[in-house]
Amino acid sequence: MMRRYNKIAGALLALTCGSVLTSCHHKELVYPDASRSRLEVVFDWSNAPDASPAAMAFYLYDRQGASPVRFIFQNKTGGQIHVPSGDYFAMCLNADLTDWAVIEREESMGDYKVSTLDAEHLTAMGISTRGIPRAPESENERIASTPGMLWSATRTDVSLPVAYEIQKIVLYPEEKVCHYTVDVFVSEDVDEFKDGVDATLSGMAEGFKTGVEHASEEKVTHPFHLLPDDDADCLRSEFLTFGEPPAGSTHYVSLYMIDKEGKGRNFNVDVTEQVHNAPDPKHVHIVIRGINLPDPKTVQPGMGGLKPDVDAWESVNINLKM
């Protein structure tokens, strides 16, 4: 009986081992995730060494038109992801722009646009932007907030075949916004303008199309706030824009004040040539001289309930001598 039992046990053991070996061999041939690729995404900041985004968004757009795949990295360096195998266009941009950015047409890389919200009020006077006079040729422009920092990059040659090895893609984000500085030299002591002066800049690009890497065609007017700069002895403001629209535009800096009788005063200064002829379109410096502003002592922050409409403003157009 013992010999018979040993023969049966041996047969069962051989059958079990055969089953285990067959199972292991099967797993080596067929991966459950064989239609997906392991991809290492690297953001190389050689073109923007001072960039400091808190997070990065990475998009893969299928060349066949399928919905894009999006990943968010909670760092600026990248990481490893799993994606369906295929041929793609790739795009990245910083993902820490939710406090200022409006994302439009995310489903299409060619139409993807970053823009900003409406600007509802001027900073110093607190009055609604709906009631202020507009600069020449800007009557139909939306008054939009200035943007924050934007870095992005694209790739059009991403091919991810079925493979067990980790594949790698490197993108080189660059800064896509423009830095604008406006200096206004006035005849009065700039220290008297301690609460600042409200202003706008017209004819700017509404947004940036990250997928095709150029400013959008629509035009907006950006409000900004001038403050005294004792070192430069002028009123100064520094802010970001998306630059000029592709077809160019006319640009006016408009200053808004209230005189001692409570009448709105605004001065429209044509700065088109300064914008167009800037040595570096990414860093534009606008200088305005010879403006006589109302007595700043009569300007009250918040307006104290005084909110003149368009008809209550007196406008002056000024052409600067270059």
C-alpha atoms as a PDB file:
ATOM      1  CA  MET A   1       0.000   0.000   0.000  1.00  0.00           C
ATOM      2  CA  MET A   2       2.827   2.372   0.832  1.00  0.00           C
ATOM      3  CA  ARG A   3       4.445   1.854  -2.600  1.00  0.00           C
ATOM      4  CA  ARG A   4       1.081   2.507  -4.282  1.00  0.00           C
ATOM      5  CA  TYR A   5       0.586   5.705  -2.289  1.00  0.00           C
ATOM      6  CA  ASN A   6       4.057   6.936  -3.222  1.00  0.00           C
ATOM      7  CA  LYS A   7       3.359   6.366  -6.916  1.00  0.00           C
ATOM      8  CA  ILE A   8       0.100   8.352  -6.724  1.00  0.00           C
ATOM      9  CA  ALA A   9       1.765  11.176  -4.782  1.00  0.00           C
ATOM     10  CA  GLY A  10       4.606  11.305  -7.268  1.00  0.00           C
ATOM     11  CA  ALA A  11       2.169  11.558 -10.180  1.00  0.00           C
ATOM     12  CA  LEU A  12       0.279  14.385  -8.503  1.00  0.00           C
ATOM     13  CA  LEU A  13       3.511  16.232  -7.754  1.00  0.00           C
ATOM     14  CA  ALA A  14       4.643  15.940 -11.378  1.00  0.00           C
ATOM     15  CA  LEU A  15       1.283  17.256 -12.600  1.00  0.00           C
ATOM     16  CA  THR A  16       1.402  20.222 -10.193  1.00  0.00           C
ATOM     17  CA  CYS A  17       4.953  21.184 -11.180  1.00  0.00           C
ATOM     18  CA  GLY A  18       4.038  20.983 -14.832  1.00  0.00           C
ATOM     19  CA  SER A  19       1.146  23.288 -14.209  1.00  0.00           C
ATOM     20  CA  VAL A  20       3.321  25.834 -12.371  1.00  0.00           C
ATOM     21  CA  LEU A  21       5.975  25.837 -15.063  1.00  0.00           C
ATOM     22  CA  THR A  22       3.387  26.254 -17.786  1.00  0.00           C
ATOM     23  CA  SER A  23       1.823  29.203 -15.880  1.00  0.00           C
ATOM     24  CA  CYS A  24       5.189  31.002 -15.447  1.00  0.00           C
ATOM     25  CA  HIS A  25       6.043  30.507 -19.100  1.00  0.00           C
ATOM     26  CA  HIS A  26       2.684  31.998 -20.111  1.00  0.00           C
ATOM     27  CA  LYS A  27       3.278  35.177 -18.044  1.00  0.00           C
ATOM     28  CA  GLU A  28       6.622  35.780 -19.706  1.00  0.00           C
ATOM     29  CA  LEU A  29       5.014  35.769 -23.154  1.00  0.00           C
ATOM     30  CA  VAL A  30       1.883  37.883 -22.523  1.00  0.00           C
ATOM     31  CA  TYR A  31       1.840  40.992 -20.314  1.00  0.00           C
ATOM     32  CA  PRO A  32      -1.601  42.073 -19.082  1.00  0.00           C
ATOM     33  CA  ASP A  33      -0.650  45.707 -20.018  1.00  0.00           C
ATOM     34  CA  ALA A  34       1.049  44.963 -23.324  1.00  0.00           C
ATOM     35  CA  SER A  35      -0.847  47.718 -25.219  1.00  0.00           C
ATOM     36  CA  ARG A  36       0.621  50.411 -22.971  1.00  0.00           C
ATOM     37  CA  SER A  37       4.082  51.950 -22.814  1.00  0.00           C
ATOM     38  CA  ARG A  38       6.110  53.011 -19.821  1.00  0.00           C
ATOM     39  CA  LEU A  39       7.234  56.588 -20.450  1.00  0.00           C
ATOM     40  CA  GLU A  40       9.681  58.714 -18.515  1.00  0.00           C
ATOM     41  CA  VAL A  41       8.827  62.407 -18.931  1.00  0.00           C
ATOM     42  CA  VAL A  42      11.680  64.859 -18.344  1.00  0.00           C
ATOM     43  CA  PHE A  43      11.333  68.654 -18.206  1.00  0.00           C
ATOM     44  CA  ASP A  44      14.712  70.199 -19.017  1.00  0.00           C
ATOM     45  CA  TRP A  45      14.883  73.844 -17.889  1.00  0.00           C
ATOM     46  CA  SER A  46      17.984  74.815 -19.844  1.00  0.00           C
ATOM     47  CA  ASN A  47      15.961  77.502 -21.682  1.00  0.00           C
ATOM     48  CA  ALA A  48      14.477  78.913 -18.469  1.00  0.00           C
ATOM     49  CA  PRO A  49      16.974  78.228 -15.652  1.00  0.00           C
ATOM     50  CA  ASP A  50      15.242  80.552 -13.179  1.00  0.00           C
ATOM     51  CA  ALA A  51      11.783  79.019 -13.638  1.00  0.00           C
ATOM     52  CA  SER A  52      10.115  77.767 -10.470  1.00  0.00           C
ATOM     53  CA  PRO A  53       6.696  76.240 -11.255  1.00  0.00           C
ATOM     54  CA  ALA A  54       5.126  74.200  -8.462  1.00  0.00           C
ATOM     55  CA  ALA A  55       3.549  71.689 -10.876  1.00  0.00           C
ATOM     56  CA  MET A  56       3.587  70.759 -14.570  1.00  0.00           C
ATOM     57  CA  ALA A  57       0.828  69.543 -16.897  1.00  0.00           C
ATOM     58  CA  PHE A  58       1.767  67.097 -19.656  1.00  0.00           C
ATOM     59  CA  TYR A  59      -0.507  66.366 -22.639  1.00  0.00           C
ATOM     60  CA  LEU A  60      -0.360  63.674 -25.305  1.00  0.00           C
ATOM     61  CA  TYR A  61      -2.529  64.307 -28.387  1.00  0.00           C
ATOM     62  CA  ASP A  62      -3.197  61.217 -30.508  1.00  0.00           C
ATOM     63  CA  ARG A  63      -2.457  61.917 -34.177  1.00  0.00           C
ATOM     64  CA  GLN A  64      -5.625  60.037 -35.089  1.00  0.00           C
ATOM     65  CA  GLY A  65      -7.742  62.620 -33.264  1.00  0.00           C
ATOM     66  CA  ALA A  66      -8.629  60.737 -30.074  1.00  0.00           C
ATOM     67  CA  SER A  67      -9.158  62.660 -26.846  1.00  0.00           C
ATOM     68  CA  PRO A  68      -5.891  63.857 -25.293  1.00  0.00           C
ATOM     69  CA  VAL A  69      -4.281  62.198 -22.296  1.00  0.00           C
ATOM     70  CA  ARG A  70      -3.278  64.557 -19.489  1.00  0.00           C
ATOM     71  CA  PHE A  71      -0.995  64.047 -16.504  1.00  0.00           C
ATOM     72  CA  ILE A  72      -0.144  66.450 -13.668  1.00  0.00           C
ATOM     73  CA  PHE A  73       3.293  66.242 -12.071  1.00  0.00           C
ATOM     74  CA  GLN A  74       3.524  67.857  -8.645  1.00  0.00           C
ATOM     75  CA  ASN A  75       7.056  69.008  -9.403  1.00  0.00           C
ATOM     76  CA  LYS A  76       9.026  70.724 -12.193  1.00  0.00           C
ATOM     77  CA  THR A  77      11.173  67.750 -13.202  1.00  0.00           C
ATOM     78  CA  GLY A  78       8.692  65.125 -14.472  1.00  0.00           C
ATOM     79  CA  GLY A  79       8.295  61.438 -13.709  1.00  0.00           C
ATOM     80  CA  GLN A  80       7.271  58.028 -15.044  1.00  0.00           C
ATOM     81  CA  ILE A  81       3.799  57.306 -16.453  1.00  0.00           C
ATOM     82  CA  HIS A  82       1.967  54.540 -18.347  1.00  0.00           C
ATOM     83  CA  VAL A  83       0.260  55.532 -21.607  1.00  0.00           C
ATOM     84  CA  PRO A  84      -1.359  53.697 -24.543  1.00  0.00           C
ATOM     85  CA  SER A  85       1.106  52.919 -27.302  1.00  0.00           C
ATOM     86  CA  GLY A  86       0.817  55.071 -30.431  1.00  0.00           C
ATOM     87  CA  ASP A  87       1.980  58.218 -32.210  1.00  0.00           C
ATOM     88  CA  TYR A  88       1.450  61.555 -30.494  1.00  0.00           C
ATOM     89  CA  PHE A  89       1.993  65.270 -30.360  1.00  0.00           C
ATOM     90  CA  ALA A  90       3.158  66.314 -26.880  1.00  0.00           C
ATOM     91  CA  MET A  91       2.774  69.560 -24.954  1.00  0.00           C
ATOM     92  CA  CYS A  92       3.575  70.746 -21.462  1.00  0.00           C
ATOM     93  CA  LEU A  93       2.891  73.886 -19.450  1.00  0.00           C
ATOM     94  CA  ASN A  94       3.026  74.855 -15.811  1.00  0.00           C
ATOM     95  CA  ALA A  95      -0.044  73.713 -13.900  1.00  0.00           C
ATOM     96  CA  ASP A  96       0.178  76.247 -11.044  1.00  0.00           C
ATOM     97  CA  LEU A  97      -1.683  78.975 -12.954  1.00  0.00           C
ATOM     98  CA  THR A  98      -5.206  78.237 -11.709  1.00  0.00           C
ATOM     99  CA  ASP A  99      -5.433  81.521  -9.761  1.00  0.00           C
ATOM    100  CA  TRP A 100      -5.306  83.630 -12.930  1.00  0.00           C
ATOM    101  CA  ALA A 101      -5.620  81.517 -16.085  1.00  0.00           C
ATOM    102  CA  VAL A 102      -8.592  80.568 -18.235  1.00  0.00           C
ATOM    103  CA  ILE A 103      -7.976  77.437 -20.348  1.00  0.00           C
ATOM    104  CA  GLU A 104      -9.912  77.225 -23.613  1.00  0.00           C
ATOM    105  CA  ARG A 105     -10.300  74.461 -26.236  1.00  0.00           C
ATOM    106  CA  GLU A 106      -8.225  71.928 -24.323  1.00  0.00           C
ATOM    107  CA  GLU A 107      -9.309  69.088 -26.628  1.00  0.00           C
ATOM    108  CA  SER A 108      -7.308  70.484 -29.580  1.00  0.00           C
ATOM    109  CA  MET A 109      -3.575  71.101 -29.355  1.00  0.00           C
ATOM    110  CA  GLY A 110      -3.712  73.597 -32.240  1.00  0.00           C
ATOM    111  CA  ASP A 111      -6.478  75.617 -30.555  1.00  0.00           C
ATOM    112  CA  TYR A 112      -5.389  75.297 -26.918  1.00  0.00           C
ATOM    113  CA  LYS A 113      -5.336  78.804 -25.437  1.00  0.00           C
ATOM    114  CA  VAL A 114      -4.417  80.330 -22.093  1.00  0.00           C
ATOM    115  CA  SER A 115      -6.105  83.670 -21.358  1.00  0.00           C
ATOM    116  CA  THR A 116      -7.285  85.685 -18.337  1.00  0.00           C
ATOM    117  CA  LEU A 117     -10.522  86.758 -16.653  1.00  0.00           C
ATOM    118  CA  ASP A 118     -12.262  90.108 -17.089  1.00  0.00           C
ATOM    119  CA  ALA A 119     -10.876  92.955 -14.980  1.00  0.00           C
ATOM    120  CA  GLU A 120     -13.878  94.373 -13.142  1.00  0.00           C
ATOM    121  CA  HIS A 121     -12.373  97.390 -11.328  1.00  0.00           C
ATOM    122  CA  LEU A 122      -9.491  99.842 -11.445  1.00  0.00           C
ATOM    123  CA  THR A 123      -7.120  99.413  -8.516  1.00  0.00           C
ATOM    124  CA  ALA A 124      -6.572 102.889  -7.030  1.00  0.00           C
ATOM    125  CA  MET A 125     -10.047 104.372  -7.474  1.00  0.00           C
ATOM    126  CA  GLY A 126     -12.004 101.151  -7.201  1.00  0.00           C
ATOM    127  CA  ILE A 127     -14.402 102.152  -9.975  1.00  0.00           C
ATOM    128  CA  SER A 128     -15.886  99.717 -12.473  1.00  0.00           C
ATOM    129  CA  THR A 129     -14.023  99.314 -15.754  1.00  0.00           C
ATOM    130  CA  ARG A 130     -17.398  99.380 -17.526  1.00  0.00           C
ATOM    131  CA  GLY A 131     -17.757 103.101 -16.913  1.00  0.00           C
ATOM    132  CA  ILE A 132     -14.356 104.374 -18.041  1.00  0.00           C
ATOM    133  CA  PRO A 133     -13.671 105.974 -21.434  1.00  0.00           C
ATOM    134  CA  ARG A 134     -11.736 103.788 -23.846  1.00  0.00           C
ATOM    135  CA  ALA A 135      -8.589 104.570 -25.776  1.00  0.00           C
ATOM    136  CA  PRO A 136      -8.924 105.214 -29.535  1.00  0.00           C
ATOM    137  CA  GLU A 137      -9.479 102.021 -31.583  1.00  0.00           C
ATOM    138  CA  SER A 138     -10.031  99.937 -28.445  1.00  0.00           C
ATOM    139  CA  GLU A 139     -13.758 100.391 -27.900  1.00  0.00           C
ATOM    140  CA  ASN A 140     -14.513  96.746 -28.717  1.00  0.00           C
ATOM    141  CA  GLU A 141     -11.654  95.239 -26.731  1.00  0.00           C
ATOM    142  CA  ARG A 142     -12.367  93.228 -23.615  1.00  0.00           C
ATOM    143  CA  ILE A 143     -10.752  94.664 -20.468  1.00  0.00           C
ATOM    144  CA  ALA A 144      -8.808  91.672 -19.200  1.00  0.00           C
ATOM    145  CA  SER A 145      -6.569  91.040 -16.206  1.00  0.00           C
ATOM    146  CA  THR A 146      -2.843  90.735 -16.829  1.00  0.00           C
ATOM    147  CA  PRO A 147      -1.458  87.163 -16.816  1.00  0.00           C
ATOM    148  CA  GLY A 148       0.898  85.425 -14.444  1.00  0.00           C
ATOM    149  CA  MET A 149       3.926  83.344 -15.407  1.00  0.00           C
ATOM    150  CA  LEU A 150       3.571  80.836 -18.237  1.00  0.00           C
ATOM    151  CA  TRP A 151       6.142  78.262 -19.366  1.00  0.00           C
ATOM    152  CA  SER A 152       5.439  75.725 -22.105  1.00  0.00           C
ATOM    153  CA  ALA A 153       6.961  73.482 -24.779  1.00  0.00           C
ATOM    154  CA  THR A 154       5.811  71.112 -27.537  1.00  0.00           C
ATOM    155  CA  ARG A 155       7.018  68.017 -29.394  1.00  0.00           C
ATOM    156  CA  THR A 156       5.585  66.691 -32.669  1.00  0.00           C
ATOM    157  CA  ASP A 157       7.641  63.513 -33.032  1.00  0.00           C
ATOM    158  CA  VAL A 158       6.507  61.267 -30.173  1.00  0.00           C
ATOM    159  CA  SER A 159       6.235  57.601 -31.148  1.00  0.00           C
ATOM    160  CA  LEU A 160       5.542  55.030 -28.419  1.00  0.00           C
ATOM    161  CA  PRO A 161       5.663  51.455 -29.763  1.00  0.00           C
ATOM    162  CA  VAL A 162       4.738  48.446 -27.668  1.00  0.00           C
ATOM    163  CA  ALA A 163       7.881  47.783 -25.652  1.00  0.00           C
ATOM    164  CA  TYR A 164       8.826  46.468 -22.241  1.00  0.00           C
ATOM    165  CA  GLU A 165      11.667  48.972 -21.825  1.00  0.00           C
ATOM    166  CA  ILE A 166      11.036  52.426 -20.338  1.00  0.00           C
ATOM    167  CA  GLN A 167      10.973  55.040 -23.086  1.00  0.00           C
ATOM    168  CA  LYS A 168      11.973  58.668 -22.530  1.00  0.00           C
ATOM    169  CA  ILE A 169      10.779  62.057 -23.752  1.00  0.00           C
ATOM    170  CA  VAL A 170      12.482  65.364 -22.960  1.00  0.00           C
ATOM    171  CA  LEU A 171      10.743  68.735 -23.286  1.00  0.00           C
ATOM    172  CA  TYR A 172      12.400  72.141 -22.927  1.00  0.00           C
ATOM    173  CA  PRO A 173       9.892  74.635 -21.455  1.00  0.00           C
ATOM    174  CA  GLU A 174      10.410  78.322 -22.177  1.00  0.00           C
ATOM    175  CA  GLU A 175       8.856  81.479 -20.771  1.00  0.00           C
ATOM    176  CA  LYS A 176       5.967  82.577 -22.996  1.00  0.00           C
ATOM    177  CA  VAL A 177       4.853  85.842 -21.394  1.00  0.00           C
ATOM    178  CA  CYS A 178       6.291  89.316 -22.010  1.00  0.00           C
ATOM    179  CA  HIS A 179       7.530  91.739 -19.356  1.00  0.00           C
ATOM    180  CA  TYR A 180       6.267  95.316 -19.702  1.00  0.00           C
ATOM    181  CA  THR A 181       7.489  98.344 -17.745  1.00  0.00           C
ATOM    182  CA  VAL A 182       5.741 101.722 -17.939  1.00  0.00           C
ATOM    183  CA  ASP A 183       7.436 104.869 -16.584  1.00  0.00           C
ATOM    184  CA  VAL A 184       5.407 108.100 -16.405  1.00  0.00           C
ATOM    185  CA  PHE A 185       7.363 111.276 -15.621  1.00  0.00           C
ATOM    186  CA  VAL A 186       5.138 114.028 -14.257  1.00  0.00           C
ATOM    187  CA  SER A 187       5.833 117.658 -13.411  1.00  0.00           C
ATOM    188  CA  GLU A 188       4.630 117.150  -9.819  1.00  0.00           C
ATOM    189  CA  ASP A 189       6.570 115.459  -7.030  1.00  0.00           C
ATOM    190  CA  VAL A 190       5.948 111.741  -7.503  1.00  0.00           C
ATOM    191  CA  ASP A 191       5.780 111.238  -3.722  1.00  0.00           C
ATOM    192  CA  GLU A 192       2.456 113.071  -3.744  1.00  0.00           C
ATOM    193  CA  PHE A 193       0.952 110.149  -5.718  1.00  0.00           C
ATOM    194  CA  LYS A 194       1.288 107.791  -2.770  1.00  0.00           C
ATOM    195  CA  ASP A 195      -1.951 105.949  -3.657  1.00  0.00           C
ATOM    196  CA  GLY A 196      -0.887 105.497  -7.265  1.00  0.00           C
ATOM    197  CA  VAL A 197      -2.575 106.175 -10.591  1.00  0.00           C
ATOM    198  CA  ASP A 198      -4.833 103.844 -12.553  1.00  0.00           C
ATOM    199  CA  ALA A 199      -3.949 103.123 -16.181  1.00  0.00           C
ATOM    200  CA  THR A 200      -4.636 100.747 -19.063  1.00  0.00           C
ATOM    201  CA  LEU A 201      -2.680  99.487 -22.084  1.00  0.00           C
ATOM    202  CA  SER A 202      -4.721  98.704 -25.205  1.00  0.00           C
ATOM    203  CA  GLY A 203      -4.188  96.464 -28.213  1.00  0.00           C
ATOM    204  CA  MET A 204      -2.567  93.495 -26.440  1.00  0.00           C
ATOM    205  CA  ALA A 205      -3.003  89.797 -27.285  1.00  0.00           C
ATOM    206  CA  GLU A 206      -5.842  88.193 -25.351  1.00  0.00           C
ATOM    207  CA  GLY A 207      -3.979  84.939 -24.721  1.00  0.00           C
ATOM    208  CA  PHE A 208      -1.274  82.513 -25.745  1.00  0.00           C
ATOM    209  CA  LYS A 209      -1.857  79.405 -27.892  1.00  0.00           C
ATOM    210  CA  THR A 210       0.583  76.966 -26.342  1.00  0.00           C
ATOM    211  CA  GLY A 211       0.072  74.216 -28.940  1.00  0.00           C
ATOM    212  CA  VAL A 212       1.288  76.403 -31.823  1.00  0.00           C
ATOM    213  CA  GLU A 213       3.449  78.638 -29.618  1.00  0.00           C
ATOM    214  CA  HIS A 214       2.254  82.126 -30.525  1.00  0.00           C
ATOM    215  CA  ALA A 215      -0.027  84.821 -29.144  1.00  0.00           C
ATOM    216  CA  SER A 216      -3.714  84.692 -30.026  1.00  0.00           C
ATOM    217  CA  GLU A 217      -5.322  86.972 -32.584  1.00  0.00           C
ATOM    218  CA  GLU A 218      -7.956  88.589 -30.319  1.00  0.00           C
ATOM    219  CA  LYS A 219      -7.105  91.939 -28.706  1.00  0.00           C
ATOM    220  CA  VAL A 220      -7.708  93.118 -25.136  1.00  0.00           C
ATOM    221  CA  THR A 221      -6.992  96.107 -22.920  1.00  0.00           C
ATOM    222  CA  HIS A 222      -5.017  95.449 -19.714  1.00  0.00           C
ATOM    223  CA  PRO A 223      -5.451  97.640 -16.614  1.00  0.00           C
ATOM    224  CA  PHE A 224      -2.431  98.286 -14.406  1.00  0.00           C
ATOM    225  CA  HIS A 225      -1.470 100.417 -11.418  1.00  0.00           C
ATOM    226  CA  LEU A 226       1.297 103.039 -11.410  1.00  0.00           C
ATOM    227  CA  LEU A 227       3.102 103.732  -8.123  1.00  0.00           C
ATOM    228  CA  PRO A 228       5.814 106.267  -7.177  1.00  0.00           C
ATOM    229  CA  ASP A 229       9.383 105.133  -7.730  1.00  0.00           C
ATOM    230  CA  ASP A 230      11.600 107.508  -5.767  1.00  0.00           C
ATOM    231  CA  ASP A 231      14.837 106.194  -7.261  1.00  0.00           C
ATOM    232  CA  ALA A 232      13.674 106.806 -10.836  1.00  0.00           C
ATOM    233  CA  ASP A 233      11.617 109.911  -9.905  1.00  0.00           C
ATOM    234  CA  CYS A 234       8.613 108.687 -11.866  1.00  0.00           C
ATOM    235  CA  LEU A 235       5.418 106.680 -11.598  1.00  0.00           C
ATOM    236  CA  ARG A 236       6.185 103.086 -12.524  1.00  0.00           C
ATOM    237  CA  SER A 237       4.396  99.830 -13.154  1.00  0.00           C
ATOM    238  CA  GLU A 238       5.720  96.420 -14.138  1.00  0.00           C
ATOM    239  CA  PHE A 239       3.401  93.664 -15.338  1.00  0.00           C
ATOM    240  CA  LEU A 240       3.160  90.684 -17.667  1.00  0.00           C
ATOM    241  CA  THR A 241       1.322  90.401 -20.996  1.00  0.00           C
ATOM    242  CA  PHE A 242       0.975  87.861 -23.799  1.00  0.00           C
ATOM    243  CA  GLY A 243       2.614  90.389 -26.129  1.00  0.00           C
ATOM    244  CA  GLU A 244       1.231  91.730 -29.369  1.00  0.00           C
ATOM    245  CA  PRO A 245      -1.311  89.909 -31.546  1.00  0.00           C
ATOM    246  CA  PRO A 246       0.270  88.252 -34.628  1.00  0.00           C
ATOM    247  CA  ALA A 247      -1.040  90.980 -36.949  1.00  0.00           C
ATOM    248  CA  GLY A 248       0.148  93.827 -34.721  1.00  0.00           C
ATOM    249  CA  SER A 249      -2.007  96.566 -33.229  1.00  0.00           C
ATOM    250  CA  THR A 250      -2.265 100.183 -32.096  1.00  0.00           C
ATOM    251  CA  HIS A 251      -1.387 100.746 -28.443  1.00  0.00           C
ATOM    252  CA  TYR A 252      -2.420 103.482 -26.046  1.00  0.00           C
ATOM    253  CA  VAL A 253      -1.578 103.990 -22.398  1.00  0.00           C
ATOM    254  CA  SER A 254      -4.603 105.635 -20.772  1.00  0.00           C
ATOM    255  CA  LEU A 255      -4.290 107.358 -17.382  1.00  0.00           C
ATOM    256  CA  TYR A 256      -7.357 107.900 -15.178  1.00  0.00           C
ATOM    257  CA  MET A 257      -7.691 110.635 -12.541  1.00  0.00           C
ATOM    258  CA  ILE A 258     -10.370 112.656 -10.737  1.00  0.00           C
ATOM    259  CA  ASP A 259      -9.959 116.432 -10.402  1.00  0.00           C
ATOM    260  CA  LYS A 260     -10.939 118.551  -7.376  1.00  0.00           C
ATOM    261  CA  GLU A 261     -14.425 119.193  -8.822  1.00  0.00           C
ATOM    262  CA  GLY A 262     -15.042 115.457  -9.009  1.00  0.00           C
ATOM    263  CA  LYS A 263     -14.767 115.302 -12.792  1.00  0.00           C
ATOM    264  CA  GLY A 264     -13.107 112.296 -14.378  1.00  0.00           C
ATOM    265  CA  ARG A 265      -9.992 113.066 -16.400  1.00  0.00           C
ATOM    266  CA  ASN A 266      -8.190 110.641 -18.650  1.00  0.00           C
ATOM    267  CA  PHE A 267      -5.140 111.026 -20.867  1.00  0.00           C
ATOM    268  CA  ASN A 268      -4.629 108.738 -23.876  1.00  0.00           C
ATOM    269  CA  VAL A 269      -0.986 108.490 -24.933  1.00  0.00           C
ATOM    270  CA  ASP A 270      -0.107 106.761 -28.204  1.00  0.00           C
ATOM    271  CA  VAL A 271       2.767 104.369 -27.427  1.00  0.00           C
ATOM    272  CA  THR A 272       2.492 102.245 -30.577  1.00  0.00           C
ATOM    273  CA  GLU A 273       5.961 103.094 -31.837  1.00  0.00           C
ATOM    274  CA  GLN A 274       7.579 102.275 -28.513  1.00  0.00           C
ATOM    275  CA  VAL A 275       5.952  98.844 -28.468  1.00  0.00           C
ATOM    276  CA  HIS A 276       6.666  98.072 -32.125  1.00  0.00           C
ATOM    277  CA  ASN A 277      10.275  99.287 -31.972  1.00  0.00           C
ATOM    278  CA  ALA A 278      11.244  97.713 -28.658  1.00  0.00           C
ATOM    279  CA  PRO A 279      14.709  96.098 -28.999  1.00  0.00           C
ATOM    280  CA  ASP A 280      13.411  93.022 -27.189  1.00  0.00           C
ATOM    281  CA  PRO A 281       9.693  92.237 -27.708  1.00  0.00           C
ATOM    282  CA  LYS A 282       9.816  90.072 -24.571  1.00  0.00           C
ATOM    283  CA  HIS A 283      10.927  93.038 -22.443  1.00  0.00           C
ATOM    284  CA  VAL A 284       9.203  96.280 -23.457  1.00  0.00           C
ATOM    285  CA  HIS A 285       9.925  99.580 -21.702  1.00  0.00           C
ATOM    286  CA  ILE A 286       7.404 102.391 -22.304  1.00  0.00           C
ATOM    287  CA  VAL A 287       8.386 105.927 -21.252  1.00  0.00           C
ATOM    288  CA  ILE A 288       5.909 108.829 -21.046  1.00  0.00           C
ATOM    289  CA  ARG A 289       7.034 112.387 -20.308  1.00  0.00           C
ATOM    290  CA  GLY A 290       5.394 115.768 -19.993  1.00  0.00           C
ATOM    291  CA  ILE A 291       1.986 114.771 -18.569  1.00  0.00           C
ATOM    292  CA  ASN A 292       0.298 117.308 -16.268  1.00  0.00           C
ATOM    293  CA  LEU A 293      -1.979 115.335 -13.961  1.00  0.00           C
ATOM    294  CA  PRO A 294      -4.676 116.799 -11.684  1.00  0.00           C
ATOM    295  CA  ASP A 295      -3.658 117.723  -8.148  1.00  0.00           C
ATOM    296  CA  PRO A 296      -3.104 114.313  -6.555  1.00  0.00           C
ATOM    297  CA  LYS A 297      -4.244 115.596  -3.199  1.00  0.00           C
ATOM    298  CA  THR A 298      -7.827 115.635  -4.489  1.00  0.00           C
ATOM    299  CA  VAL A 299      -7.721 111.985  -5.582  1.00  0.00           C
ATOM    300  CA  GLN A 300      -9.390 109.769  -2.981  1.00  0.00           C
ATOM    301  CA  PRO A 301      -8.747 106.029  -2.972  1.00  0.00           C
ATOM    302  CA  GLY A 302     -12.030 104.162  -3.316  1.00  0.00           C
ATOM    303  CA  MET A 303     -13.627 107.334  -4.673  1.00  0.00           C
ATOM    304  CA  GLY A 304     -15.780 107.838  -1.550  1.00  0.00           C
ATOM    305  CA  GLY A 305     -18.875 106.808  -3.513  1.00  0.00           C
ATOM    306  CA  LEU A 306     -17.987 108.970  -6.520  1.00  0.00           C
ATOM    307  CA  LYS A 307     -18.296 106.865  -9.660  1.00  0.00           C
ATOM    308  CA  PRO A 308     -18.461 108.986 -12.821  1.00  0.00           C
ATOM    309  CA  ASP A 309     -19.871 107.378 -15.953  1.00  0.00           C
ATOM    310  CA  VAL A 310     -18.386 107.717 -19.437  1.00  0.00           C
ATOM    311  CA  ASP A 311     -20.146 111.012 -20.128  1.00  0.00           C
ATOM    312  CA  ALA A 312     -18.637 112.580 -16.999  1.00  0.00           C
ATOM    313  CA  TRP A 313     -15.051 112.090 -18.159  1.00  0.00           C
ATOM    314  CA  GLU A 314     -12.910 114.577 -20.010  1.00  0.00           C
ATOM    315  CA  SER A 315     -10.485 112.853 -22.383  1.00  0.00           C
ATOM    316  CA  VAL A 316      -7.254 114.186 -23.858  1.00  0.00           C
ATOM    317  CA  ASN A 317      -5.333 112.402 -26.647  1.00  0.00           C
ATOM    318  CA  ILE A 318      -1.568 112.920 -26.615  1.00  0.00           C
ATOM    319  CA  ASN A 319       0.992 112.015 -29.283  1.00  0.00           C
ATOM    320  CA  LEU A 320       4.482 111.691 -27.879  1.00  0.00           C
ATOM    321  CA  LYS A 321       7.458 113.191 -29.694  1.00  0.00           C
ATOM    322  CA  MET A 322      10.014 110.434 -30.251  1.00  0.00           C
END
